[in-house]
Amino acid sequence: MGTGHSHTPGPAGHAGGRYRRRLTIAFCLITTFFVVELVYGLLANSLALISDAGHMAADVVALGAALAATKIATRPDRTGRRTFGSYRVEIFASGLTVLLMLGVSAYIVIEALGRVGSSTEVQSGPMIIVGGLGLVVNIIVLMMLRAGAAESLNVKGAYFEVVADTAGSIGVVAAGVLVATTGQSWWDTIVALSIGAFVSVRAVILGRQVLAVLGQHVPEGMSVDEVANDLDAIDGVDDVHDLHVWVLTSGMNVATAHLVASRTNEFPRILTEAREVLKTTYAIEHATLQIEPAADARSCHEMTW
């Protein structure tokens, strides 16, 4: 019986680790401006500004968690118990981001509803100035994280946070202009509610992706039937079963499979070709493959559990 295992050692397949420097700069920028926005939000008595500051606080935690996750994920396991390493910590960090986004949106909605029917004086000047500065900071951070968001779910979580915060900054500026031109403070409340709704939608989208990884679903855009057919098409392979494909962390797809073959002398070639198919066609560099002689395959489970 032949077996084979292929992988990329260390963090080479670890997408999030490549963006630590950008995450660090983004963390410093967002943390600094969070303090500024919170202070001026309280001084201006603007719920939109305060809610945006609250969301920026979630950004600070999300970026901090993303940074910590990329560091922990690259550490070698010294306990002997984490045979998959610590790469999954990035997915947990993304899950924390989802909870923070949902918490911030709930806070915004509750505070906004509490202001309905009440007369609250809002200073539009600080809203426009601080909101505009926040927009500039968020755009800079977005440009820094955009490439990483396409590769790492961890970076994508931080990116989504900043996307939502960018929309919040636009909303704050718009609310300030509307309050200044109409003299109606309820525009501040309406914009705050809009920010809350936008943040919650983004949280749900990211949350579904996090749950898909934790549930060990097939990577997005990949068909397990197509993978099985491509392996089965290798010369010498009679059947494919017990095929499982999942995502360990962003940029790191994993697979296991049993290949049935009759000609035992061709086992090494079949293993080599199967690994190459998985790597080049499906970006699966971490594959554990087992070849079974046709006579032994009858006692093995079928492809689906």
Foldseek 3Di string as FASTA:
>chain_A
DDKDWFFDPFCPLPLLLVQLVLLVVLLVLLVVLLVVQCVLCVVQVFLLSNLLSLLSVLLNQLSVQSNVLSVQQRDADPPVPPPVGSNCSLLVSLVSLLVSLLVSLVVLLVVLVVCPPHDDGGQLVSLQVSLVVLLVSLVVSLVSLVVSLVFFLSSVSSNLSSVLSNLSSVLSNVLSVCCVVVVGNNSSSVSSNVSSVSSNVSSVVSNVVSVCQVVFHAPPPDDVVVLQVVLCPPPFFPGKAQWGWGASGGSEIEIEIETEGADPVCVVVSVVVSCVCCCPVPVHRTYMYHYDYPVPCVPDDGRDD
